[in-house]
Amino acid sequence: MKYLCLCYYDTDAFAGLTDNEQQAVGEACQPHDAALKATGKLFAHGSMSLPESWVYFVPKDGKPVLSKGPYLSGNRQAGAFLLIEAASDEEAQRVASRHAAANFGEHLGFAVEVRAKCSRHLASRA
């Protein structure tokens, strides 16, 4: 089964870092990234642009309407994603726990959220 993992950070804390501090964070993440890749369960991954560049669509009068900025407001935003393949929720959690955001960056509000692919269409929920 596939799992989406969202990696969060505190945008205010990150904005307060100098260029050298940001570089040090990237370097501290490298061993965790290597451990994650070594699991063989990583399907896709990537960092995302800053929230200021995001857009989203909402339906209005039956048409998509474009809005700018993050859909959800707050200083904790997703900054990266992982798609992993795992046989169980427990295995997905073990794999996700190797990501740097689960091991480093407490002062930056790092966190990893693990979501399983939904096996049912949302419309079938009652």
PDB file of N, CA and C in Angstrom:
ATOM      1  N   MET A   1       0.835  -1.166   0.000  1.00  0.00           N
ATOM      2  CA  MET A   1       0.000   0.000   0.000  1.00  0.00           C
ATOM      3  C   MET A   1       0.890   1.242   0.000  1.00  0.00           C
ATOM      4  N   LYS A   2       0.390   2.296  -0.616  1.00  0.00           N
ATOM      5  CA  LYS A   2       1.141   3.550  -0.657  1.00  0.00           C
ATOM      6  C   LYS A   2       0.709   4.455   0.496  1.00  0.00           C
ATOM      7  N   TYR A   3       1.672   5.215   0.992  1.00  0.00           N
ATOM      8  CA  TYR A   3       1.444   6.162   2.081  1.00  0.00           C
ATOM      9  C   TYR A   3       2.027   7.513   1.693  1.00  0.00           C
ATOM     10  N   LEU A   4       1.294   8.554   2.000  1.00  0.00           N
ATOM     11  CA  LEU A   4       1.778   9.921   1.821  1.00  0.00           C
ATOM     12  C   LEU A   4       2.263  10.410   3.178  1.00  0.00           C
ATOM     13  N   CYS A   5       3.457  10.915   3.213  1.00  0.00           N
ATOM     14  CA  CYS A   5       4.006  11.488   4.439  1.00  0.00           C
ATOM     15  C   CYS A   5       4.276  12.959   4.176  1.00  0.00           C
ATOM     16  N   LEU A   6       3.723  13.796   5.027  1.00  0.00           N
ATOM     17  CA  LEU A   6       3.942  15.231   4.926  1.00  0.00           C
ATOM     18  C   LEU A   6       4.899  15.640   6.029  1.00  0.00           C
ATOM     19  N   CYS A   7       5.905  16.404   5.656  1.00  0.00           N
ATOM     20  CA  CYS A   7       6.934  16.845   6.597  1.00  0.00           C
ATOM     21  C   CYS A   7       6.720  18.324   6.876  1.00  0.00           C
ATOM     22  N   TYR A   8       6.484  18.643   8.130  1.00  0.00           N
ATOM     23  CA  TYR A   8       6.119  19.995   8.539  1.00  0.00           C
ATOM     24  C   TYR A   8       7.274  20.731   9.182  1.00  0.00           C
ATOM     25  N   TYR A   9       7.156  22.063   9.173  1.00  0.00           N
ATOM     26  CA  TYR A   9       8.116  22.923   9.860  1.00  0.00           C
ATOM     27  C   TYR A   9       7.418  24.198  10.284  1.00  0.00           C
ATOM     28  N   ASP A  10       8.032  24.904  11.195  1.00  0.00           N
ATOM     29  CA  ASP A  10       7.511  26.179  11.684  1.00  0.00           C
ATOM     30  C   ASP A  10       8.108  27.271  10.802  1.00  0.00           C
ATOM     31  N   THR A  11       7.276  27.916   9.999  1.00  0.00           N
ATOM     32  CA  THR A  11       7.768  28.912   9.048  1.00  0.00           C
ATOM     33  C   THR A  11       8.409  30.107   9.747  1.00  0.00           C
ATOM     34  N   ASP A  12       7.880  30.493  10.911  1.00  0.00           N
ATOM     35  CA  ASP A  12       8.456  31.620  11.641  1.00  0.00           C
ATOM     36  C   ASP A  12       9.858  31.280  12.146  1.00  0.00           C
ATOM     37  N   ALA A  13      10.018  30.091  12.711  1.00  0.00           N
ATOM     38  CA  ALA A  13      11.330  29.676  13.224  1.00  0.00           C
ATOM     39  C   ALA A  13      12.338  29.561  12.082  1.00  0.00           C
ATOM     40  N   PHE A  14      11.903  28.992  10.962  1.00  0.00           N
ATOM     41  CA  PHE A  14      12.809  28.817   9.831  1.00  0.00           C
ATOM     42  C   PHE A  14      13.215  30.162   9.238  1.00  0.00           C
ATOM     43  N   ALA A  15      12.286  31.106   9.187  1.00  0.00           N
ATOM     44  CA  ALA A  15      12.583  32.430   8.627  1.00  0.00           C
ATOM     45  C   ALA A  15      13.633  33.158   9.455  1.00  0.00           C
ATOM     46  N   GLY A  16      13.761  32.817  10.731  1.00  0.00           N
ATOM     47  CA  GLY A  16      14.731  33.463  11.599  1.00  0.00           C
ATOM     48  C   GLY A  16      16.143  32.923  11.469  1.00  0.00           C
ATOM     49  N   LEU A  17      16.339  31.891  10.649  1.00  0.00           N
ATOM     50  CA  LEU A  17      17.673  31.313  10.474  1.00  0.00           C
ATOM     51  C   LEU A  17      18.502  32.106   9.479  1.00  0.00           C
ATOM     52  N   THR A  18      19.778  32.180   9.731  1.00  0.00           N
ATOM     53  CA  THR A  18      20.702  32.772   8.765  1.00  0.00           C
ATOM     54  C   THR A  18      20.944  31.769   7.638  1.00  0.00           C
ATOM     55  N   ASP A  19      21.565  32.210   6.571  1.00  0.00           N
ATOM     56  CA  ASP A  19      21.897  31.297   5.466  1.00  0.00           C
ATOM     57  C   ASP A  19      22.781  30.153   5.962  1.00  0.00           C
ATOM     58  N   ASN A  20      23.752  30.454   6.813  1.00  0.00           N
ATOM     59  CA  ASN A  20      24.631  29.414   7.348  1.00  0.00           C
ATOM     60  C   ASN A  20      23.861  28.417   8.197  1.00  0.00           C
ATOM     61  N   GLU A  21      22.922  28.907   8.989  1.00  0.00           N
ATOM     62  CA  GLU A  21      22.109  28.005   9.817  1.00  0.00           C
ATOM     63  C   GLU A  21      21.208  27.126   8.950  1.00  0.00           C
ATOM     64  N   GLN A  22      20.656  27.693   7.880  1.00  0.00           N
ATOM     65  CA  GLN A  22      19.845  26.894   6.964  1.00  0.00           C
ATOM     66  C   GLN A  22      20.686  25.809   6.309  1.00  0.00           C
ATOM     67  N   GLN A  23      21.907  26.150   5.932  1.00  0.00           N
ATOM     68  CA  GLN A  23      22.817  25.166   5.338  1.00  0.00           C
ATOM     69  C   GLN A  23      23.138  24.066   6.343  1.00  0.00           C
ATOM     70  N   ALA A  24      23.341  24.428   7.606  1.00  0.00           N
ATOM     71  CA  ALA A  24      23.634  23.434   8.644  1.00  0.00           C
ATOM     72  C   ALA A  24      22.451  22.486   8.841  1.00  0.00           C
ATOM     73  N   VAL A  25      21.230  23.000   8.735  1.00  0.00           N
ATOM     74  CA  VAL A  25      20.054  22.136   8.841  1.00  0.00           C
ATOM     75  C   VAL A  25      20.066  21.118   7.707  1.00  0.00           C
ATOM     76  N   GLY A  26      20.331  21.579   6.486  1.00  0.00           N
ATOM     77  CA  GLY A  26      20.399  20.670   5.344  1.00  0.00           C
ATOM     78  C   GLY A  26      21.455  19.592   5.526  1.00  0.00           C
ATOM     79  N   GLU A  27      22.595  19.971   6.038  1.00  0.00           N
ATOM     80  CA  GLU A  27      23.669  19.002   6.268  1.00  0.00           C
ATOM     81  C   GLU A  27      23.293  18.006   7.361  1.00  0.00           C
ATOM     82  N   ALA A  28      22.603  18.471   8.397  1.00  0.00           N
ATOM     83  CA  ALA A  28      22.185  17.579   9.486  1.00  0.00           C
ATOM     84  C   ALA A  28      21.124  16.580   9.014  1.00  0.00           C
ATOM     85  N   CYS A  29      20.396  16.933   7.987  1.00  0.00           N
ATOM     86  CA  CYS A  29      19.346  16.054   7.460  1.00  0.00           C
ATOM     87  C   CYS A  29      19.901  14.926   6.590  1.00  0.00           C
ATOM     88  N   GLN A  30      21.081  15.101   6.017  1.00  0.00           N
ATOM     89  CA  GLN A  30      21.610  14.153   5.041  1.00  0.00           C
ATOM     90  C   GLN A  30      21.701  12.710   5.547  1.00  0.00           C
ATOM     91  N   PRO A  31      22.210  12.446   6.762  1.00  0.00           N
ATOM     92  CA  PRO A  31      22.266  11.049   7.208  1.00  0.00           C
ATOM     93  C   PRO A  31      20.874  10.417   7.340  1.00  0.00           C
ATOM     94  N   HIS A  32      19.896  11.208   7.742  1.00  0.00           N
ATOM     95  CA  HIS A  32      18.532  10.699   7.866  1.00  0.00           C
ATOM     96  C   HIS A  32      17.944  10.410   6.489  1.00  0.00           C
ATOM     97  N   ASP A  33      18.227  11.290   5.526  1.00  0.00           N
ATOM     98  CA  ASP A  33      17.769  11.056   4.157  1.00  0.00           C
ATOM     99  C   ASP A  33      18.373   9.764   3.600  1.00  0.00           C
ATOM    100  N   ALA A  34      19.645   9.533   3.868  1.00  0.00           N
ATOM    101  CA  ALA A  34      20.315   8.311   3.399  1.00  0.00           C
ATOM    102  C   ALA A  34      19.681   7.073   4.035  1.00  0.00           C
ATOM    103  N   ALA A  35      19.368   7.133   5.320  1.00  0.00           N
ATOM    104  CA  ALA A  35      18.736   6.000   6.003  1.00  0.00           C
ATOM    105  C   ALA A  35      17.342   5.732   5.436  1.00  0.00           C
ATOM    106  N   LEU A  36      16.628   6.789   5.108  1.00  0.00           N
ATOM    107  CA  LEU A  36      15.303   6.645   4.520  1.00  0.00           C
ATOM    108  C   LEU A  36      15.399   5.969   3.156  1.00  0.00           C
ATOM    109  N   LYS A  37      16.315   6.434   2.323  1.00  0.00           N
ATOM    110  CA  LYS A  37      16.490   5.842   0.993  1.00  0.00           C
ATOM    111  C   LYS A  37      16.942   4.392   1.077  1.00  0.00           C
ATOM    112  N   ALA A  38      17.738   4.063   2.096  1.00  0.00           N
ATOM    113  CA  ALA A  38      18.258   2.701   2.256  1.00  0.00           C
ATOM    114  C   ALA A  38      17.162   1.688   2.582  1.00  0.00           C
ATOM    115  N   THR A  39      15.986   2.149   3.014  1.00  0.00           N
ATOM    116  CA  THR A  39      14.891   1.220   3.311  1.00  0.00           C
ATOM    117  C   THR A  39      14.377   0.543   2.047  1.00  0.00           C
ATOM    118  N   GLY A  40      14.592   1.162   0.891  1.00  0.00           N
ATOM    119  CA  GLY A  40      14.068   0.625  -0.352  1.00  0.00           C
ATOM    120  C   GLY A  40      12.569   0.818  -0.501  1.00  0.00           C
ATOM    121  N   LYS A  41      11.958   1.535   0.413  1.00  0.00           N
ATOM    122  CA  LYS A  41      10.504   1.732   0.417  1.00  0.00           C
ATOM    123  C   LYS A  41      10.085   3.114  -0.083  1.00  0.00           C
ATOM    124  N   LEU A  42      11.058   3.952  -0.384  1.00  0.00           N
ATOM    125  CA  LEU A  42      10.781   5.317  -0.813  1.00  0.00           C
ATOM    126  C   LEU A  42      10.382   5.310  -2.283  1.00  0.00           C
ATOM    127  N   PHE A  43       9.179   5.752  -2.571  1.00  0.00           N
ATOM    128  CA  PHE A  43       8.639   5.752  -3.926  1.00  0.00           C
ATOM    129  C   PHE A  43       8.929   7.082  -4.611  1.00  0.00           C
ATOM    130  N   ALA A  44       8.742   8.182  -3.895  1.00  0.00           N
ATOM    131  CA  ALA A  44       9.013   9.526  -4.407  1.00  0.00           C
ATOM    132  C   ALA A  44       9.160  10.457  -3.216  1.00  0.00           C
ATOM    133  N   HIS A  45       9.906  11.551  -3.412  1.00  0.00           N
ATOM    134  CA  HIS A  45      10.059  12.534  -2.341  1.00  0.00           C
ATOM    135  C   HIS A  45      10.475  13.874  -2.936  1.00  0.00           C
ATOM    136  N   GLY A  46      10.284  14.917  -2.164  1.00  0.00           N
ATOM    137  CA  GLY A  46      10.716  16.225  -2.625  1.00  0.00           C
ATOM    138  C   GLY A  46      10.399  17.308  -1.615  1.00  0.00           C
ATOM    139  N   SER A  47      11.127  18.381  -1.747  1.00  0.00           N
ATOM    140  CA  SER A  47      10.859  19.576  -0.952  1.00  0.00           C
ATOM    141  C   SER A  47       9.882  20.446  -1.728  1.00  0.00           C
ATOM    142  N   MET A  48       9.138  21.252  -0.995  1.00  0.00           N
ATOM    143  CA  MET A  48       8.151  22.113  -1.628  1.00  0.00           C
ATOM    144  C   MET A  48       8.567  23.573  -1.494  1.00  0.00           C
ATOM    145  N   SER A  49       8.034  24.392  -2.369  1.00  0.00           N
ATOM    146  CA  SER A  49       8.337  25.822  -2.352  1.00  0.00           C
ATOM    147  C   SER A  49       7.781  26.459  -1.075  1.00  0.00           C
ATOM    148  N   LEU A  50       8.163  27.704  -0.863  1.00  0.00           N
ATOM    149  CA  LEU A  50       7.686  28.426   0.312  1.00  0.00           C
ATOM    150  C   LEU A  50       6.191  28.713   0.189  1.00  0.00           C
ATOM    151  N   PRO A  51       5.482  28.737   1.323  1.00  0.00           N
ATOM    152  CA  PRO A  51       4.020  28.924   1.301  1.00  0.00           C
ATOM    153  C   PRO A  51       3.553  30.162   0.543  1.00  0.00           C
ATOM    154  N   GLU A  52       4.371  31.202   0.511  1.00  0.00           N
ATOM    155  CA  GLU A  52       3.963  32.431  -0.177  1.00  0.00           C
ATOM    156  C   GLU A  52       3.708  32.210  -1.670  1.00  0.00           C
ATOM    157  N   SER A  53       4.273  31.151  -2.228  1.00  0.00           N
ATOM    158  CA  SER A  53       4.117  30.904  -3.660  1.00  0.00           C
ATOM    159  C   SER A  53       2.997  29.905  -3.962  1.00  0.00           C
ATOM    160  N   TRP A  54       2.327  29.395  -2.954  1.00  0.00           N
ATOM    161  CA  TRP A  54       1.291  28.392  -3.162  1.00  0.00           C
ATOM    162  C   TRP A  54      -0.008  29.015  -3.656  1.00  0.00           C
ATOM    163  N   VAL A  55      -0.754  28.227  -4.375  1.00  0.00           N
ATOM    164  CA  VAL A  55      -2.106  28.600  -4.784  1.00  0.00           C
ATOM    165  C   VAL A  55      -3.016  27.401  -4.530  1.00  0.00           C
ATOM    166  N   TYR A  56      -4.291  27.670  -4.469  1.00  0.00           N
ATOM    167  CA  TYR A  56      -5.257  26.585  -4.331  1.00  0.00           C
ATOM    168  C   TYR A  56      -6.543  26.975  -5.042  1.00  0.00           C
ATOM    169  N   PHE A  57      -7.360  25.975  -5.342  1.00  0.00           N
ATOM    170  CA  PHE A  57      -8.644  26.193  -5.995  1.00  0.00           C
ATOM    171  C   PHE A  57      -9.764  25.764  -5.065  1.00  0.00           C
ATOM    172  N   VAL A  58     -10.824  26.532  -5.051  1.00  0.00           N
ATOM    173  CA  VAL A  58     -12.041  26.160  -4.332  1.00  0.00           C
ATOM    174  C   VAL A  58     -13.213  26.284  -5.300  1.00  0.00           C
ATOM    175  N   PRO A  59     -14.222  25.430  -5.150  1.00  0.00           N
ATOM    176  CA  PRO A  59     -15.366  25.546  -6.038  1.00  0.00           C
ATOM    177  C   PRO A  59     -16.266  26.704  -5.620  1.00  0.00           C
ATOM    178  N   LYS A  60     -16.707  27.473  -6.596  1.00  0.00           N
ATOM    179  CA  LYS A  60     -17.657  28.545  -6.336  1.00  0.00           C
ATOM    180  C   LYS A  60     -18.582  28.643  -7.549  1.00  0.00           C
ATOM    181  N   ASP A  61     -19.857  28.514  -7.300  1.00  0.00           N
ATOM    182  CA  ASP A  61     -20.849  28.533  -8.373  1.00  0.00           C
ATOM    183  C   ASP A  61     -20.511  27.511  -9.456  1.00  0.00           C
ATOM    184  N   GLY A  62     -20.023  26.351  -9.039  1.00  0.00           N
ATOM    185  CA  GLY A  62     -19.729  25.270  -9.970  1.00  0.00           C
ATOM    186  C   GLY A  62     -18.459  25.425 -10.777  1.00  0.00           C
ATOM    187  N   LYS A  63     -17.621  26.410 -10.410  1.00  0.00           N
ATOM    188  CA  LYS A  63     -16.377  26.639 -11.147  1.00  0.00           C
ATOM    189  C   LYS A  63     -15.214  26.740 -10.162  1.00  0.00           C
ATOM    190  N   PRO A  64     -14.013  26.332 -10.603  1.00  0.00           N
ATOM    191  CA  PRO A  64     -12.854  26.471  -9.718  1.00  0.00           C
ATOM    192  C   PRO A  64     -12.406  27.934  -9.628  1.00  0.00           C
ATOM    193  N   VAL A  65     -12.172  28.391  -8.413  1.00  0.00           N
ATOM    194  CA  VAL A  65     -11.710  29.758  -8.186  1.00  0.00           C
ATOM    195  C   VAL A  65     -10.311  29.687  -7.582  1.00  0.00           C
ATOM    196  N   LEU A  66      -9.382  30.403  -8.187  1.00  0.00           N
ATOM    197  CA  LEU A  66      -7.990  30.406  -7.758  1.00  0.00           C
ATOM    198  C   LEU A  66      -7.792  31.387  -6.609  1.00  0.00           C
ATOM    199  N   SER A  67      -7.094  30.927  -5.568  1.00  0.00           N
ATOM    200  CA  SER A  67      -6.703  31.786  -4.454  1.00  0.00           C
ATOM    201  C   SER A  67      -5.223  31.608  -4.208  1.00  0.00           C
ATOM    202  N   LYS A  68      -4.586  32.618  -3.620  1.00  0.00           N
ATOM    203  CA  LYS A  68      -3.143  32.572  -3.372  1.00  0.00           C
ATOM    204  C   LYS A  68      -2.853  32.308  -1.904  1.00  0.00           C
ATOM    205  N   GLY A  69      -1.700  31.685  -1.680  1.00  0.00           N
ATOM    206  CA  GLY A  69      -1.251  31.398  -0.322  1.00  0.00           C
ATOM    207  C   GLY A  69      -1.660  30.005   0.115  1.00  0.00           C
ATOM    208  N   PRO A  70      -1.246  29.607   1.310  1.00  0.00           N
ATOM    209  CA  PRO A  70      -1.637  28.285   1.810  1.00  0.00           C
ATOM    210  C   PRO A  70      -3.145  28.222   2.049  1.00  0.00           C
ATOM    211  N   TYR A  71      -3.741  27.089   1.824  1.00  0.00           N
ATOM    212  CA  TYR A  71      -5.161  26.894   2.080  1.00  0.00           C
ATOM    213  C   TYR A  71      -5.447  26.981   3.577  1.00  0.00           C
ATOM    214  N   LEU A  72      -4.587  26.355   4.365  1.00  0.00           N
ATOM    215  CA  LEU A  72      -4.712  26.422   5.814  1.00  0.00           C
ATOM    216  C   LEU A  72      -3.741  27.465   6.343  1.00  0.00           C
ATOM    217  N   SER A  73      -4.217  28.327   7.210  1.00  0.00           N
ATOM    218  CA  SER A  73      -3.338  29.351   7.761  1.00  0.00           C
ATOM    219  C   SER A  73      -2.645  28.839   9.014  1.00  0.00           C
ATOM    220  N   GLY A  74      -1.528  29.432   9.309  1.00  0.00           N
ATOM    221  CA  GLY A  74      -0.766  29.052  10.490  1.00  0.00           C
ATOM    222  C   GLY A  74       0.712  29.049  10.184  1.00  0.00           C
ATOM    223  N   ASN A  75       1.516  28.956  11.227  1.00  0.00           N
ATOM    224  CA  ASN A  75       2.954  28.993  11.006  1.00  0.00           C
ATOM    225  C   ASN A  75       3.546  27.599  10.811  1.00  0.00           C
ATOM    226  N   ARG A  76       2.772  26.546  10.956  1.00  0.00           N
ATOM    227  CA  ARG A  76       3.255  25.189  10.672  1.00  0.00           C
ATOM    228  C   ARG A  76       2.715  24.772   9.314  1.00  0.00           C
ATOM    229  N   GLN A  77       3.638  24.565   8.393  1.00  0.00           N
ATOM    230  CA  GLN A  77       3.256  24.218   7.028  1.00  0.00           C
ATOM    231  C   GLN A  77       4.057  23.011   6.559  1.00  0.00           C
ATOM    232  N   ALA A  78       3.521  22.321   5.561  1.00  0.00           N
ATOM    233  CA  ALA A  78       4.234  21.203   4.947  1.00  0.00           C
ATOM    234  C   ALA A  78       5.348  21.761   4.078  1.00  0.00           C
ATOM    235  N   GLY A  79       6.554  21.240   4.255  1.00  0.00           N
ATOM    236  CA  GLY A  79       7.689  21.701   3.484  1.00  0.00           C
ATOM    237  C   GLY A  79       8.281  20.633   2.592  1.00  0.00           C
ATOM    238  N   ALA A  80       7.827  19.393   2.781  1.00  0.00           N
ATOM    239  CA  ALA A  80       8.327  18.286   1.966  1.00  0.00           C
ATOM    240  C   ALA A  80       7.287  17.170   1.992  1.00  0.00           C
ATOM    241  N   PHE A  81       7.445  16.235   1.069  1.00  0.00           N
ATOM    242  CA  PHE A  81       6.545  15.082   1.029  1.00  0.00           C
ATOM    243  C   PHE A  81       7.346  13.836   0.718  1.00  0.00           C
ATOM    244  N   LEU A  82       6.798  12.715   1.105  1.00  0.00           N
ATOM    245  CA  LEU A  82       7.346  11.404   0.761  1.00  0.00           C
ATOM    246  C   LEU A  82       6.185  10.536   0.308  1.00  0.00           C
ATOM    247  N   LEU A  83       6.396   9.718  -0.671  1.00  0.00           N
ATOM    248  CA  LEU A  83       5.477   8.633  -0.992  1.00  0.00           C
ATOM    249  C   LEU A  83       6.251   7.357  -0.736  1.00  0.00           C
ATOM    250  N   ILE A  84       5.709   6.533   0.122  1.00  0.00           N
ATOM    251  CA  ILE A  84       6.389   5.288   0.442  1.00  0.00           C
ATOM    252  C   ILE A  84       5.464   4.110   0.191  1.00  0.00           C
ATOM    253  N   GLU A  85       6.058   2.975  -0.003  1.00  0.00           N
ATOM    254  CA  GLU A  85       5.338   1.718  -0.193  1.00  0.00           C
ATOM    255  C   GLU A  85       5.623   0.877   1.036  1.00  0.00           C
ATOM    256  N   ALA A  86       4.569   0.367   1.663  1.00  0.00           N
ATOM    257  CA  ALA A  86       4.749  -0.453   2.858  1.00  0.00           C
ATOM    258  C   ALA A  86       3.637  -1.485   2.929  1.00  0.00           C
ATOM    259  N   ALA A  87       3.926  -2.596   3.583  1.00  0.00           N
ATOM    260  CA  ALA A  87       2.963  -3.680   3.708  1.00  0.00           C
ATOM    261  C   ALA A  87       1.935  -3.423   4.810  1.00  0.00           C
ATOM    262  N   SER A  88       2.244  -2.511   5.732  1.00  0.00           N
ATOM    263  CA  SER A  88       1.339  -2.259   6.854  1.00  0.00           C
ATOM    264  C   SER A  88       1.538  -0.839   7.366  1.00  0.00           C
ATOM    265  N   ASP A  89       0.592  -0.400   8.184  1.00  0.00           N
ATOM    266  CA  ASP A  89       0.729   0.914   8.818  1.00  0.00           C
ATOM    267  C   ASP A  89       1.999   0.969   9.656  1.00  0.00           C
ATOM    268  N   GLU A  90       2.282  -0.112  10.356  1.00  0.00           N
ATOM    269  CA  GLU A  90       3.464  -0.147  11.225  1.00  0.00           C
ATOM    270  C   GLU A  90       4.746  -0.009  10.425  1.00  0.00           C
ATOM    271  N   GLU A  91       4.824  -0.699   9.287  1.00  0.00           N
ATOM    272  CA  GLU A  91       6.019  -0.580   8.450  1.00  0.00           C
ATOM    273  C   GLU A  91       6.137   0.837   7.901  1.00  0.00           C
ATOM    274  N   ALA A  92       5.032   1.431   7.473  1.00  0.00           N
ATOM    275  CA  ALA A  92       5.051   2.811   6.964  1.00  0.00           C
ATOM    276  C   ALA A  92       5.552   3.758   8.045  1.00  0.00           C
ATOM    277  N   GLN A  93       5.112   3.544   9.262  1.00  0.00           N
ATOM    278  CA  GLN A  93       5.550   4.385  10.371  1.00  0.00           C
ATOM    279  C   GLN A  93       7.042   4.212  10.642  1.00  0.00           C
ATOM    280  N   ARG A  94       7.533   2.984  10.566  1.00  0.00           N
ATOM    281  CA  ARG A  94       8.982   2.747  10.759  1.00  0.00           C
ATOM    282  C   ARG A  94       9.793   3.456   9.681  1.00  0.00           C
ATOM    283  N   VAL A  95       9.340   3.369   8.436  1.00  0.00           N
ATOM    284  CA  VAL A  95      10.045   4.018   7.333  1.00  0.00           C
ATOM    285  C   VAL A  95      10.018   5.536   7.531  1.00  0.00           C
ATOM    286  N   ALA A  96       8.836   6.089   7.800  1.00  0.00           N
ATOM    287  CA  ALA A  96       8.698   7.544   7.962  1.00  0.00           C
ATOM    288  C   ALA A  96       9.521   8.058   9.130  1.00  0.00           C
ATOM    289  N   SER A  97       9.693   7.233  10.147  1.00  0.00           N
ATOM    290  CA  SER A  97      10.448   7.671  11.331  1.00  0.00           C
ATOM    291  C   SER A  97      11.925   7.875  11.029  1.00  0.00           C
ATOM    292  N   ARG A  98      12.379   7.439   9.864  1.00  0.00           N
ATOM    293  CA  ARG A  98      13.782   7.638   9.485  1.00  0.00           C
ATOM    294  C   ARG A  98      14.021   9.016   8.862  1.00  0.00           C
ATOM    295  N   HIS A  99      12.942   9.699   8.484  1.00  0.00           N
ATOM    296  CA  HIS A  99      13.099  11.016   7.862  1.00  0.00           C
ATOM    297  C   HIS A  99      13.664  12.004   8.878  1.00  0.00           C
ATOM    298  N   ALA A 100      14.427  12.940   8.392  1.00  0.00           N
ATOM    299  CA  ALA A 100      15.061  13.938   9.260  1.00  0.00           C
ATOM    300  C   ALA A 100      14.048  14.691  10.113  1.00  0.00           C
ATOM    301  N   ALA A 101      12.876  14.976   9.565  1.00  0.00           N
ATOM    302  CA  ALA A 101      11.884  15.751  10.315  1.00  0.00           C
ATOM    303  C   ALA A 101      11.345  14.997  11.527  1.00  0.00           C
ATOM    304  N   ALA A 102      11.587  13.712  11.598  1.00  0.00           N
ATOM    305  CA  ALA A 102      11.187  12.931  12.772  1.00  0.00           C
ATOM    306  C   ALA A 102      12.337  12.777  13.766  1.00  0.00           C
ATOM    307  N   ASN A 103      13.516  13.212  13.387  1.00  0.00           N
ATOM    308  CA  ASN A 103      14.706  12.977  14.205  1.00  0.00           C
ATOM    309  C   ASN A 103      15.472  14.232  14.589  1.00  0.00           C
ATOM    310  N   PHE A 104      15.213  15.310  13.899  1.00  0.00           N
ATOM    311  CA  PHE A 104      16.032  16.508  14.024  1.00  0.00           C
ATOM    312  C   PHE A 104      15.128  17.723  13.858  1.00  0.00           C
ATOM    313  N   GLY A 105      15.554  18.849  14.350  1.00  0.00           N
ATOM    314  CA  GLY A 105      14.865  20.095  14.087  1.00  0.00           C
ATOM    315  C   GLY A 105      13.708  20.396  15.020  1.00  0.00           C
ATOM    316  N   GLU A 106      13.778  19.868  16.227  1.00  0.00           N
ATOM    317  CA  GLU A 106      12.720  20.170  17.197  1.00  0.00           C
ATOM    318  C   GLU A 106      12.531  21.680  17.347  1.00  0.00           C
ATOM    319  N   HIS A 107      13.644  22.413  17.326  1.00  0.00           N
ATOM    320  CA  HIS A 107      13.586  23.877  17.455  1.00  0.00           C
ATOM    321  C   HIS A 107      12.957  24.557  16.246  1.00  0.00           C
ATOM    322  N   LEU A 108      12.763  23.807  15.155  1.00  0.00           N
ATOM    323  CA  LEU A 108      12.145  24.342  13.945  1.00  0.00           C
ATOM    324  C   LEU A 108      10.739  23.792  13.731  1.00  0.00           C
ATOM    325  N   GLY A 109      10.231  23.081  14.739  1.00  0.00           N
ATOM    326  CA  GLY A 109       8.880  22.539  14.641  1.00  0.00           C
ATOM    327  C   GLY A 109       8.738  21.405  13.650  1.00  0.00           C
ATOM    328  N   PHE A 110       9.817  20.663  13.390  1.00  0.00           N
ATOM    329  CA  PHE A 110       9.763  19.560  12.440  1.00  0.00           C
ATOM    330  C   PHE A 110       8.801  18.472  12.934  1.00  0.00           C
ATOM    331  N   ALA A 111       8.117  17.849  11.999  1.00  0.00           N
ATOM    332  CA  ALA A 111       7.225  16.724  12.278  1.00  0.00           C
ATOM    333  C   ALA A 111       6.947  15.992  10.970  1.00  0.00           C
ATOM    334  N   VAL A 112       6.586  14.718  11.074  1.00  0.00           N
ATOM    335  CA  VAL A 112       6.209  13.928   9.905  1.00  0.00           C
ATOM    336  C   VAL A 112       4.838  13.313  10.170  1.00  0.00           C
ATOM    337  N   GLU A 113       3.930  13.524   9.237  1.00  0.00           N
ATOM    338  CA  GLU A 113       2.587  12.952   9.312  1.00  0.00           C
ATOM    339  C   GLU A 113       2.497  11.827   8.288  1.00  0.00           C
ATOM    340  N   VAL A 114       1.954  10.684   8.685  1.00  0.00           N
ATOM    341  CA  VAL A 114       1.838   9.518   7.811  1.00  0.00           C
ATOM    342  C   VAL A 114       0.356   9.282   7.516  1.00  0.00           C
ATOM    343  N   ARG A 115       0.017   9.252   6.237  1.00  0.00           N
ATOM    344  CA  ARG A 115      -1.371   9.018   5.828  1.00  0.00           C
ATOM    345  C   ARG A 115      -1.437   7.857   4.854  1.00  0.00           C
ATOM    346  N   ALA A 116      -2.286   6.899   5.152  1.00  0.00           N
ATOM    347  CA  ALA A 116      -2.491   5.761   4.255  1.00  0.00           C
ATOM    348  C   ALA A 116      -3.392   6.167   3.103  1.00  0.00           C
ATOM    349  N   LYS A 117      -3.195   5.524   1.983  1.00  0.00           N
ATOM    350  CA  LYS A 117      -4.089   5.724   0.849  1.00  0.00           C
ATOM    351  C   LYS A 117      -5.466   5.225   1.270  1.00  0.00           C
ATOM    352  N   CYS A 118      -6.471   6.013   0.999  1.00  0.00           N
ATOM    353  CA  CYS A 118      -7.840   5.643   1.348  1.00  0.00           C
ATOM    354  C   CYS A 118      -8.289   4.509   0.438  1.00  0.00           C
ATOM    355  N   SER A 119      -8.847   3.479   1.035  1.00  0.00           N
ATOM    356  CA  SER A 119      -9.286   2.336   0.234  1.00  0.00           C
ATOM    357  C   SER A 119     -10.710   2.501  -0.266  1.00  0.00           C
ATOM    358  N   ARG A 120     -11.386   3.560   0.200  1.00  0.00           N
ATOM    359  CA  ARG A 120     -12.756   3.813  -0.236  1.00  0.00           C
ATOM    360  C   ARG A 120     -12.842   5.235  -0.760  1.00  0.00           C
ATOM    361  N   HIS A 121     -13.737   5.445  -1.680  1.00  0.00           N
ATOM    362  CA  HIS A 121     -13.983   6.787  -2.196  1.00  0.00           C
ATOM    363  C   HIS A 121     -14.688   7.593  -1.112  1.00  0.00           C
ATOM    364  N   LEU A 122     -14.375   8.863  -0.986  1.00  0.00           N
ATOM    365  CA  LEU A 122     -14.969   9.704   0.050  1.00  0.00           C
ATOM    366  C   LEU A 122     -16.490   9.727  -0.017  1.00  0.00           C
ATOM    367  N   ALA A 123     -17.046   9.661  -1.194  1.00  0.00           N
ATOM    368  CA  ALA A 123     -18.501   9.719  -1.338  1.00  0.00           C
ATOM    369  C   ALA A 123     -19.185   8.497  -0.718  1.00  0.00           C
ATOM    370  N   SER A 124     -18.441   7.400  -0.533  1.00  0.00           N
ATOM    371  CA  SER A 124     -19.050   6.205   0.038  1.00  0.00           C
ATOM    372  C   SER A 124     -19.091   6.243   1.554  1.00  0.00           C
ATOM    373  N   ARG A 125     -18.465   7.260   2.156  1.00  0.00           N
ATOM    374  CA  ARG A 125     -18.502   7.403   3.617  1.00  0.00           C
ATOM    375  C   ARG A 125     -19.834   8.002   4.032  1.00  0.00           C
ATOM    376  N   ALA A 126     -20.401   7.459   5.073  1.00  0.00           N
ATOM    377  CA  ALA A 126     -21.679   8.008   5.561  1.00  0.00           C
ATOM    378  C   ALA A 126     -21.640   8.209   7.046  1.00  0.00           C
TER     379      ALA A 126
END
